[in-house]
PDB file of N, CA and C in Angstrom:
ATOM      1  N   UNK A   1     -13.354  14.400  -1.261  1.00  0.00           N
ATOM      2  CA  UNK A   1     -12.529  13.230  -1.053  1.00  0.00           C
ATOM      3  C   UNK A   1     -11.518  13.147  -2.196  1.00  0.00           C
ATOM      4  N   UNK A   2     -10.264  12.919  -1.859  1.00  0.00           N
ATOM      5  CA  UNK A   2      -9.222  12.722  -2.845  1.00  0.00           C
ATOM      6  C   UNK A   2      -9.092  11.231  -3.102  1.00  0.00           C
ATOM      7  N   UNK A   3      -9.130  10.871  -4.363  1.00  0.00           N
ATOM      8  CA  UNK A   3      -9.111   9.458  -4.717  1.00  0.00           C
ATOM      9  C   UNK A   3      -7.707   8.901  -4.903  1.00  0.00           C
ATOM     10  N   UNK A   4      -6.727   9.750  -5.156  1.00  0.00           N
ATOM     11  CA  UNK A   4      -5.404   9.260  -5.527  1.00  0.00           C
ATOM     12  C   UNK A   4      -4.531   8.962  -4.307  1.00  0.00           C
ATOM     13  N   UNK A   5      -3.914   7.796  -4.338  1.00  0.00           N
ATOM     14  CA  UNK A   5      -2.916   7.448  -3.332  1.00  0.00           C
ATOM     15  C   UNK A   5      -1.625   8.154  -3.726  1.00  0.00           C
ATOM     16  N   UNK A   6      -0.947   8.714  -2.750  1.00  0.00           N
ATOM     17  CA  UNK A   6       0.319   9.396  -3.017  1.00  0.00           C
ATOM     18  C   UNK A   6       1.443   8.726  -2.231  1.00  0.00           C
ATOM     19  N   UNK A   7       2.640   8.847  -2.757  1.00  0.00           N
ATOM     20  CA  UNK A   7       3.834   8.331  -2.107  1.00  0.00           C
ATOM     21  C   UNK A   7       4.484   9.488  -1.356  1.00  0.00           C
ATOM     22  N   UNK A   8       4.353   9.494  -0.042  1.00  0.00           N
ATOM     23  CA  UNK A   8       4.984  10.513   0.788  1.00  0.00           C
ATOM     24  C   UNK A   8       6.359   9.978   1.187  1.00  0.00           C
ATOM     25  N   UNK A   9       7.332  10.201   0.327  1.00  0.00           N
ATOM     26  CA  UNK A   9       8.672   9.649   0.545  1.00  0.00           C
ATOM     27  C   UNK A   9       9.326  10.218   1.798  1.00  0.00           C
ATOM     28  N   UNK A  10       9.043  11.450   2.140  1.00  0.00           N
ATOM     29  CA  UNK A  10       9.628  12.054   3.346  1.00  0.00           C
ATOM     30  C   UNK A  10       9.213  11.295   4.604  1.00  0.00           C
ATOM     31  N   UNK A  11       7.977  10.793   4.620  1.00  0.00           N
ATOM     32  CA  UNK A  11       7.476  10.049   5.786  1.00  0.00           C
ATOM     33  C   UNK A  11       7.513   8.541   5.569  1.00  0.00           C
ATOM     34  N   UNK A  12       7.984   8.114   4.402  1.00  0.00           N
ATOM     35  CA  UNK A  12       8.057   6.704   4.017  1.00  0.00           C
ATOM     36  C   UNK A  12       6.708   6.009   4.203  1.00  0.00           C
ATOM     37  N   UNK A  13       5.720   6.562   3.525  1.00  0.00           N
ATOM     38  CA  UNK A  13       4.404   5.933   3.570  1.00  0.00           C
ATOM     39  C   UNK A  13       3.575   6.345   2.361  1.00  0.00           C
ATOM     40  N   UNK A  14       2.679   5.437   1.977  1.00  0.00           N
ATOM     41  CA  UNK A  14       1.667   5.740   0.979  1.00  0.00           C
ATOM     42  C   UNK A  14       0.468   6.279   1.738  1.00  0.00           C
ATOM     43  N   UNK A  15      -0.184   7.301   1.166  1.00  0.00           N
ATOM     44  CA  UNK A  15      -1.290   7.962   1.862  1.00  0.00           C
ATOM     45  C   UNK A  15      -2.493   8.113   0.950  1.00  0.00           C
ATOM     46  N   UNK A  16      -3.663   8.050   1.576  1.00  0.00           N
ATOM     47  CA  UNK A  16      -4.926   8.287   0.888  1.00  0.00           C
ATOM     48  C   UNK A  16      -5.778   9.176   1.776  1.00  0.00           C
ATOM     49  N   UNK A  17      -6.101  10.382   1.280  1.00  0.00           N
ATOM     50  CA  UNK A  17      -6.966  11.311   2.021  1.00  0.00           C
ATOM     51  C   UNK A  17      -8.424  10.969   1.756  1.00  0.00           C
ATOM     52  N   UNK A  18      -9.188  10.817   2.839  1.00  0.00           N
ATOM     53  CA  UNK A  18     -10.613  10.541   2.719  1.00  0.00           C
ATOM     54  C   UNK A  18     -11.344  11.302   3.817  1.00  0.00           C
ATOM     55  N   UNK A  19     -12.250  12.170   3.433  1.00  0.00           N
ATOM     56  CA  UNK A  19     -13.100  12.892   4.379  1.00  0.00           C
ATOM     57  C   UNK A  19     -12.314  13.552   5.506  1.00  0.00           C
ATOM     58  N   UNK A  20     -11.197  14.167   5.163  1.00  0.00           N
ATOM     59  CA  UNK A  20     -10.403  14.885   6.150  1.00  0.00           C
ATOM     60  C   UNK A  20      -9.482  14.026   7.005  1.00  0.00           C
ATOM     61  N   UNK A  21      -9.440  12.735   6.758  1.00  0.00           N
ATOM     62  CA  UNK A  21      -8.552  11.817   7.476  1.00  0.00           C
ATOM     63  C   UNK A  21      -7.585  11.177   6.484  1.00  0.00           C
ATOM     64  N   UNK A  22      -6.517  10.590   7.019  1.00  0.00           N
ATOM     65  CA  UNK A  22      -5.504   9.978   6.159  1.00  0.00           C
ATOM     66  C   UNK A  22      -5.334   8.506   6.530  1.00  0.00           C
ATOM     67  N   UNK A  23      -5.543   7.645   5.561  1.00  0.00           N
ATOM     68  CA  UNK A  23      -5.195   6.224   5.691  1.00  0.00           C
ATOM     69  C   UNK A  23      -3.795   6.089   5.109  1.00  0.00           C
ATOM     70  N   UNK A  24      -2.990   5.171   5.663  1.00  0.00           N
ATOM     71  CA  UNK A  24      -1.616   5.089   5.186  1.00  0.00           C
ATOM     72  C   UNK A  24      -1.035   3.686   5.333  1.00  0.00           C
ATOM     73  N   UNK A  25       0.031   3.466   4.567  1.00  0.00           N
ATOM     74  CA  UNK A  25       0.845   2.252   4.668  1.00  0.00           C
ATOM     75  C   UNK A  25       2.283   2.709   4.886  1.00  0.00           C
ATOM     76  N   UNK A  26       2.862   2.354   6.020  1.00  0.00           N
ATOM     77  CA  UNK A  26       4.281   2.620   6.267  1.00  0.00           C
ATOM     78  C   UNK A  26       5.108   1.640   5.457  1.00  0.00           C
ATOM     79  N   UNK A  27       6.231   2.118   4.918  1.00  0.00           N
ATOM     80  CA  UNK A  27       7.090   1.232   4.141  1.00  0.00           C
ATOM     81  C   UNK A  27       8.557   1.570   4.351  1.00  0.00           C
ATOM     82  N   UNK A  28       9.382   0.650   3.906  1.00  0.00           N
ATOM     83  CA  UNK A  28      10.829   0.861   3.802  1.00  0.00           C
ATOM     84  C   UNK A  28      11.193   0.500   2.371  1.00  0.00           C
ATOM     85  N   UNK A  29      11.962   1.355   1.713  1.00  0.00           N
ATOM     86  CA  UNK A  29      12.337   1.128   0.315  1.00  0.00           C
ATOM     87  C   UNK A  29      13.849   0.932   0.239  1.00  0.00           C
ATOM     88  N   UNK A  30      14.269  -0.125  -0.443  1.00  0.00           N
ATOM     89  CA  UNK A  30      15.695  -0.388  -0.622  1.00  0.00           C
ATOM     90  C   UNK A  30      15.910  -1.231  -1.878  1.00  0.00           C
ATOM     91  N   UNK A  31      16.770  -0.746  -2.748  1.00  0.00           N
ATOM     92  CA  UNK A  31      17.159  -1.525  -3.925  1.00  0.00           C
ATOM     93  C   UNK A  31      16.015  -1.963  -4.807  1.00  0.00           C
ATOM     94  N   UNK A  32      15.019  -1.109  -4.997  1.00  0.00           N
ATOM     95  CA  UNK A  32      13.897  -1.457  -5.862  1.00  0.00           C
ATOM     96  C   UNK A  32      12.849  -2.339  -5.214  1.00  0.00           C
ATOM     97  N   UNK A  33      12.978  -2.545  -3.893  1.00  0.00           N
ATOM     98  CA  UNK A  33      12.007  -3.354  -3.151  1.00  0.00           C
ATOM     99  C   UNK A  33      11.358  -2.480  -2.080  1.00  0.00           C
ATOM    100  N   UNK A  34      10.028  -2.495  -2.062  1.00  0.00           N
ATOM    101  CA  UNK A  34       9.263  -1.758  -1.064  1.00  0.00           C
ATOM    102  C   UNK A  34       8.712  -2.761  -0.056  1.00  0.00           C
ATOM    103  N   UNK A  35       9.162  -2.660   1.176  1.00  0.00           N
ATOM    104  CA  UNK A  35       8.653  -3.520   2.242  1.00  0.00           C
ATOM    105  C   UNK A  35       7.520  -2.772   2.929  1.00  0.00           C
ATOM    106  N   UNK A  36       6.300  -3.238   2.713  1.00  0.00           N
ATOM    107  CA  UNK A  36       5.126  -2.605   3.322  1.00  0.00           C
ATOM    108  C   UNK A  36       4.946  -3.194   4.710  1.00  0.00           C
ATOM    109  N   UNK A  37       5.123  -2.340   5.722  1.00  0.00           N
ATOM    110  CA  UNK A  37       5.215  -2.805   7.091  1.00  0.00           C
ATOM    111  C   UNK A  37       3.909  -2.728   7.879  1.00  0.00           C
ATOM    112  N   UNK A  38       3.127  -1.688   7.659  1.00  0.00           N
ATOM    113  CA  UNK A  38       1.941  -1.481   8.493  1.00  0.00           C
ATOM    114  C   UNK A  38       0.942  -0.616   7.742  1.00  0.00           C
ATOM    115  N   UNK A  39      -0.298  -1.056   7.685  1.00  0.00           N
ATOM    116  CA  UNK A  39      -1.382  -0.257   7.097  1.00  0.00           C
ATOM    117  C   UNK A  39      -2.310   0.188   8.209  1.00  0.00           C
ATOM    118  N   UNK A  40      -2.788   1.412   8.088  1.00  0.00           N
ATOM    119  CA  UNK A  40      -3.711   1.929   9.100  1.00  0.00           C
ATOM    120  C   UNK A  40      -4.804   2.762   8.448  1.00  0.00           C
ATOM    121  N   UNK A  41      -6.038   2.440   8.802  1.00  0.00           N
ATOM    122  CA  UNK A  41      -7.198   3.192   8.362  1.00  0.00           C
ATOM    123  C   UNK A  41      -7.851   3.753   9.623  1.00  0.00           C
ATOM    124  N   UNK A  42      -8.050   5.070   9.690  1.00  0.00           N
ATOM    125  CA  UNK A  42      -8.678   5.644  10.881  1.00  0.00           C
ATOM    126  C   UNK A  42     -10.026   4.987  11.173  1.00  0.00           C
ATOM    127  N   UNK A  43     -10.366   4.819  12.451  1.00  0.00           N
ATOM    128  CA  UNK A  43     -11.617   4.139  12.818  1.00  0.00           C
ATOM    129  C   UNK A  43     -12.862   4.680  12.109  1.00  0.00           C
ATOM    130  N   UNK A  44     -12.930   5.984  11.916  1.00  0.00           N
ATOM    131  CA  UNK A  44     -14.111   6.575  11.272  1.00  0.00           C
ATOM    132  C   UNK A  44     -14.264   6.143   9.818  1.00  0.00           C
ATOM    133  N   UNK A  45     -13.190   5.644   9.210  1.00  0.00           N
ATOM    134  CA  UNK A  45     -13.228   5.252   7.799  1.00  0.00           C
ATOM    135  C   UNK A  45     -13.326   3.752   7.594  1.00  0.00           C
ATOM    136  N   UNK A  46     -13.227   2.987   8.653  1.00  0.00           N
ATOM    137  CA  UNK A  46     -13.216   1.527   8.523  1.00  0.00           C
ATOM    138  C   UNK A  46     -14.553   0.993   8.033  1.00  0.00           C
ATOM    139  N   UNK A  47     -14.483  -0.125   7.331  1.00  0.00           N
ATOM    140  CA  UNK A  47     -15.692  -0.771   6.823  1.00  0.00           C
ATOM    141  C   UNK A  47     -16.216  -0.179   5.537  1.00  0.00           C
ATOM    142  N   UNK A  48     -15.426   0.661   4.885  1.00  0.00           N
ATOM    143  CA  UNK A  48     -15.867   1.324   3.653  1.00  0.00           C
ATOM    144  C   UNK A  48     -14.992   0.973   2.456  1.00  0.00           C
ATOM    145  N   UNK A  49     -14.099   0.008   2.620  1.00  0.00           N
ATOM    146  CA  UNK A  49     -13.236  -0.386   1.515  1.00  0.00           C
ATOM    147  C   UNK A  49     -12.038   0.528   1.314  1.00  0.00           C
ATOM    148  N   UNK A  50     -11.796   1.423   2.265  1.00  0.00           N
ATOM    149  CA  UNK A  50     -10.697   2.377   2.150  1.00  0.00           C
ATOM    150  C   UNK A  50      -9.352   1.646   2.150  1.00  0.00           C
ATOM    151  N   UNK A  51      -9.195   0.646   3.015  1.00  0.00           N
ATOM    152  CA  UNK A  51      -7.942  -0.101   3.080  1.00  0.00           C
ATOM    153  C   UNK A  51      -7.610  -0.758   1.750  1.00  0.00           C
ATOM    154  N   UNK A  52      -8.597  -1.352   1.124  1.00  0.00           N
ATOM    155  CA  UNK A  52      -8.370  -1.991  -0.177  1.00  0.00           C
ATOM    156  C   UNK A  52      -8.016  -0.965  -1.247  1.00  0.00           C
ATOM    157  N   UNK A  53      -8.675   0.181  -1.240  1.00  0.00           N
ATOM    158  CA  UNK A  53      -8.342   1.246  -2.197  1.00  0.00           C
ATOM    159  C   UNK A  53      -6.918   1.740  -1.974  1.00  0.00           C
ATOM    160  N   UNK A  54      -6.524   1.850  -0.698  1.00  0.00           N
ATOM    161  CA  UNK A  54      -5.174   2.282  -0.361  1.00  0.00           C
ATOM    162  C   UNK A  54      -4.141   1.291  -0.885  1.00  0.00           C
ATOM    163  N   UNK A  55      -4.350   0.018  -0.619  1.00  0.00           N
ATOM    164  CA  UNK A  55      -3.398  -0.994  -1.069  1.00  0.00           C
ATOM    165  C   UNK A  55      -3.342  -1.029  -2.594  1.00  0.00           C
ATOM    166  N   UNK A  56      -4.485  -1.017  -3.241  1.00  0.00           N
ATOM    167  CA  UNK A  56      -4.526  -1.038  -4.711  1.00  0.00           C
ATOM    168  C   UNK A  56      -3.747   0.152  -5.274  1.00  0.00           C
ATOM    169  N   UNK A  57      -3.977   1.335  -4.734  1.00  0.00           N
ATOM    170  CA  UNK A  57      -3.272   2.530  -5.212  1.00  0.00           C
ATOM    171  C   UNK A  57      -1.781   2.465  -4.959  1.00  0.00           C
ATOM    172  N   UNK A  58      -1.382   1.954  -3.798  1.00  0.00           N
ATOM    173  CA  UNK A  58       0.035   1.820  -3.481  1.00  0.00           C
ATOM    174  C   UNK A  58       0.702   0.839  -4.439  1.00  0.00           C
ATOM    175  N   UNK A  59       0.036  -0.264  -4.718  1.00  0.00           N
ATOM    176  CA  UNK A  59       0.591  -1.256  -5.644  1.00  0.00           C
ATOM    177  C   UNK A  59       0.678  -0.699  -7.060  1.00  0.00           C
ATOM    178  N   UNK A  60      -0.271   0.137  -7.438  1.00  0.00           N
ATOM    179  CA  UNK A  60      -0.197   0.798  -8.747  1.00  0.00           C
ATOM    180  C   UNK A  60       1.055   1.671  -8.830  1.00  0.00           C
ATOM    181  N   UNK A  61       1.363   2.391  -7.738  1.00  0.00           N
ATOM    182  CA  UNK A  61       2.559   3.235  -7.705  1.00  0.00           C
ATOM    183  C   UNK A  61       3.829   2.383  -7.759  1.00  0.00           C
ATOM    184  N   UNK A  62       3.823   1.262  -7.073  1.00  0.00           N
ATOM    185  CA  UNK A  62       4.966   0.343  -7.116  1.00  0.00           C
ATOM    186  C   UNK A  62       5.191  -0.128  -8.549  1.00  0.00           C
ATOM    187  N   UNK A  63       4.107  -0.469  -9.226  1.00  0.00           N
ATOM    188  CA  UNK A  63       4.206  -0.951 -10.611  1.00  0.00           C
ATOM    189  C   UNK A  63       4.787   0.141 -11.518  1.00  0.00           C
ATOM    190  N   UNK A  64       4.324   1.361 -11.374  1.00  0.00           N
ATOM    191  CA  UNK A  64       4.826   2.473 -12.196  1.00  0.00           C
ATOM    192  C   UNK A  64       6.325   2.670 -11.985  1.00  0.00           C
ATOM    193  N   UNK A  65       6.774   2.508 -10.761  1.00  0.00           N
ATOM    194  CA  UNK A  65       8.199   2.683 -10.437  1.00  0.00           C
ATOM    195  C   UNK A  65       9.037   1.435 -10.777  1.00  0.00           C
ATOM    196  N   UNK A  66       8.369   0.376 -11.253  1.00  0.00           N
ATOM    197  CA  UNK A  66       9.041  -0.891 -11.603  1.00  0.00           C
ATOM    198  C   UNK A  66       9.776  -1.485 -10.402  1.00  0.00           C
ATOM    199  N   UNK A  67       9.112  -1.402  -9.256  1.00  0.00           N
ATOM    200  CA  UNK A  67       9.644  -1.970  -8.024  1.00  0.00           C
ATOM    201  C   UNK A  67       8.884  -3.253  -7.699  1.00  0.00           C
ATOM    202  N   UNK A  68       9.281  -3.900  -6.615  1.00  0.00           N
ATOM    203  CA  UNK A  68       8.574  -5.075  -6.142  1.00  0.00           C
ATOM    204  C   UNK A  68       8.252  -4.882  -4.659  1.00  0.00           C
ATOM    205  N   UNK A  69       7.464  -5.801  -4.113  1.00  0.00           N
ATOM    206  CA  UNK A  69       6.913  -5.635  -2.765  1.00  0.00           C
ATOM    207  C   UNK A  69       7.214  -6.845  -1.888  1.00  0.00           C
ATOM    208  N   UNK A  70       7.555  -6.546  -0.647  1.00  0.00           N
ATOM    209  CA  UNK A  70       7.549  -7.548   0.418  1.00  0.00           C
ATOM    210  C   UNK A  70       6.423  -7.111   1.357  1.00  0.00           C
ATOM    211  N   UNK A  71       5.332  -7.865   1.407  1.00  0.00           N
ATOM    212  CA  UNK A  71       4.182  -7.473   2.227  1.00  0.00           C
ATOM    213  C   UNK A  71       4.297  -7.983   3.669  1.00  0.00           C
ATOM    214  N   UNK A  72       4.953  -7.236   4.532  1.00  0.00           N
ATOM    215  CA  UNK A  72       5.057  -7.609   5.949  1.00  0.00           C
ATOM    216  C   UNK A  72       3.747  -7.339   6.692  1.00  0.00           C
ATOM    217  N   UNK A  73       2.978  -6.394   6.209  1.00  0.00           N
ATOM    218  CA  UNK A  73       1.679  -6.075   6.803  1.00  0.00           C
ATOM    219  C   UNK A  73       0.685  -7.177   6.432  1.00  0.00           C
ATOM    220  N   UNK A  74       0.024  -7.784   7.420  1.00  0.00           N
ATOM    221  CA  UNK A  74      -0.934  -8.858   7.115  1.00  0.00           C
ATOM    222  C   UNK A  74      -2.061  -8.426   6.171  1.00  0.00           C
ATOM    223  N   UNK A  75      -2.527  -7.187   6.292  1.00  0.00           N
ATOM    224  CA  UNK A  75      -3.610  -6.724   5.421  1.00  0.00           C
ATOM    225  C   UNK A  75      -3.131  -6.668   3.970  1.00  0.00           C
ATOM    226  N   UNK A  76      -1.939  -6.130   3.755  1.00  0.00           N
ATOM    227  CA  UNK A  76      -1.384  -6.048   2.402  1.00  0.00           C
ATOM    228  C   UNK A  76      -1.133  -7.459   1.858  1.00  0.00           C
ATOM    229  N   UNK A  77      -0.570  -8.329   2.682  1.00  0.00           N
ATOM    230  CA  UNK A  77      -0.302  -9.710   2.255  1.00  0.00           C
ATOM    231  C   UNK A  77      -1.593 -10.417   1.859  1.00  0.00           C
ATOM    232  N   UNK A  78      -2.649 -10.250   2.653  1.00  0.00           N
ATOM    233  CA  UNK A  78      -3.936 -10.878   2.361  1.00  0.00           C
ATOM    234  C   UNK A  78      -4.518 -10.331   1.055  1.00  0.00           C
ATOM    235  N   UNK A  79      -4.427  -9.016   0.866  1.00  0.00           N
ATOM    236  CA  UNK A  79      -4.925  -8.403  -0.357  1.00  0.00           C
ATOM    237  C   UNK A  79      -4.201  -8.995  -1.569  1.00  0.00           C
ATOM    238  N   UNK A  80      -2.874  -9.076  -1.477  1.00  0.00           N
ATOM    239  CA  UNK A  80      -2.103  -9.587  -2.606  1.00  0.00           C
ATOM    240  C   UNK A  80      -2.403 -11.060  -2.863  1.00  0.00           C
ATOM    241  N   UNK A  81      -2.635 -11.815  -1.819  1.00  0.00           N
ATOM    242  CA  UNK A  81      -2.983 -13.229  -1.968  1.00  0.00           C
ATOM    243  C   UNK A  81      -4.317 -13.402  -2.699  1.00  0.00           C
ATOM    244  N   UNK A  82      -5.273 -12.522  -2.410  1.00  0.00           N
ATOM    245  CA  UNK A  82      -6.614 -12.614  -3.000  1.00  0.00           C
ATOM    246  C   UNK A  82      -6.708 -12.041  -4.405  1.00  0.00           C
ATOM    247  N   UNK A  83      -5.692 -11.299  -4.844  1.00  0.00           N
ATOM    248  CA  UNK A  83      -5.738 -10.637  -6.151  1.00  0.00           C
ATOM    249  C   UNK A  83      -4.550 -11.083  -7.004  1.00  0.00           C
ATOM    250  N   UNK A  84      -4.741 -12.141  -7.785  1.00  0.00           N
ATOM    251  CA  UNK A  84      -3.637 -12.675  -8.596  1.00  0.00           C
ATOM    252  C   UNK A  84      -3.027 -11.654  -9.552  1.00  0.00           C
ATOM    253  N   UNK A  85      -3.780 -10.655  -9.945  1.00  0.00           N
ATOM    254  CA  UNK A  85      -3.271  -9.666 -10.903  1.00  0.00           C
ATOM    255  C   UNK A  85      -2.160  -8.789 -10.331  1.00  0.00           C
ATOM    256  N   UNK A  86      -1.938  -8.830  -9.018  1.00  0.00           N
ATOM    257  CA  UNK A  86      -0.859  -8.043  -8.417  1.00  0.00           C
ATOM    258  C   UNK A  86       0.278  -8.925  -7.886  1.00  0.00           C
ATOM    259  N   UNK A  87       0.131 -10.225  -7.993  1.00  0.00           N
ATOM    260  CA  UNK A  87       1.132 -11.127  -7.419  1.00  0.00           C
ATOM    261  C   UNK A  87       2.472 -11.075  -8.149  1.00  0.00           C
ATOM    262  N   UNK A  88       2.485 -10.565  -9.362  1.00  0.00           N
ATOM    263  CA  UNK A  88       3.756 -10.400 -10.068  1.00  0.00           C
ATOM    264  C   UNK A  88       4.636  -9.332  -9.417  1.00  0.00           C
ATOM    265  N   UNK A  89       4.058  -8.534  -8.531  1.00  0.00           N
ATOM    266  CA  UNK A  89       4.818  -7.504  -7.819  1.00  0.00           C
ATOM    267  C   UNK A  89       5.555  -8.041  -6.598  1.00  0.00           C
ATOM    268  N   UNK A  90       5.268  -9.287  -6.199  1.00  0.00           N
ATOM    269  CA  UNK A  90       5.935  -9.845  -5.040  1.00  0.00           C
ATOM    270  C   UNK A  90       7.428 -10.001  -5.310  1.00  0.00           C
ATOM    271  N   UNK A  91       8.226  -9.534  -4.345  1.00  0.00           N
ATOM    272  CA  UNK A  91       9.684  -9.636  -4.470  1.00  0.00           C
ATOM    273  C   UNK A  91      10.113 -11.080  -4.361  1.00  0.00           C
ATOM    274  N   UNK A  92      11.101 -11.444  -5.133  1.00  0.00           N
ATOM    275  CA  UNK A  92      11.691 -12.776  -5.036  1.00  0.00           C
ATOM    276  C   UNK A  92      12.585 -12.782  -3.808  1.00  0.00           C
ATOM    277  N   UNK A  93      12.277 -13.644  -2.837  1.00  0.00           N
ATOM    278  CA  UNK A  93      13.058 -13.694  -1.609  1.00  0.00           C
ATOM    279  C   UNK A  93      13.902 -14.964  -1.576  1.00  0.00           C
ATOM    280  N   UNK A  94      15.131 -14.802  -1.120  1.00  0.00           N
ATOM    281  CA  UNK A  94      16.027 -15.966  -1.047  1.00  0.00           C
ATOM    282  C   UNK A  94      16.073 -16.534   0.349  1.00  0.00           C
TER     283      UNK A  94
END
């Protein structure tokens, strides 16, 4: 199992390999803002905390790049709401 989330810029998604399957978050990046649109964890991996690991890793990558996030995906939005330590990554929206 690979633990590291990677930024697959060619496919515009963050990916996490687990047991031969890939969990991912589709995104759109513009002007230092990453809009996370959809997260998907394969059915065989659900219920194991993979989605949370994926979001945490993606947010870590956003932080390293000094970007901010618009969480359009309900799972990502819920994760960010429950974890105050990542709320500073939320993009300021007008």
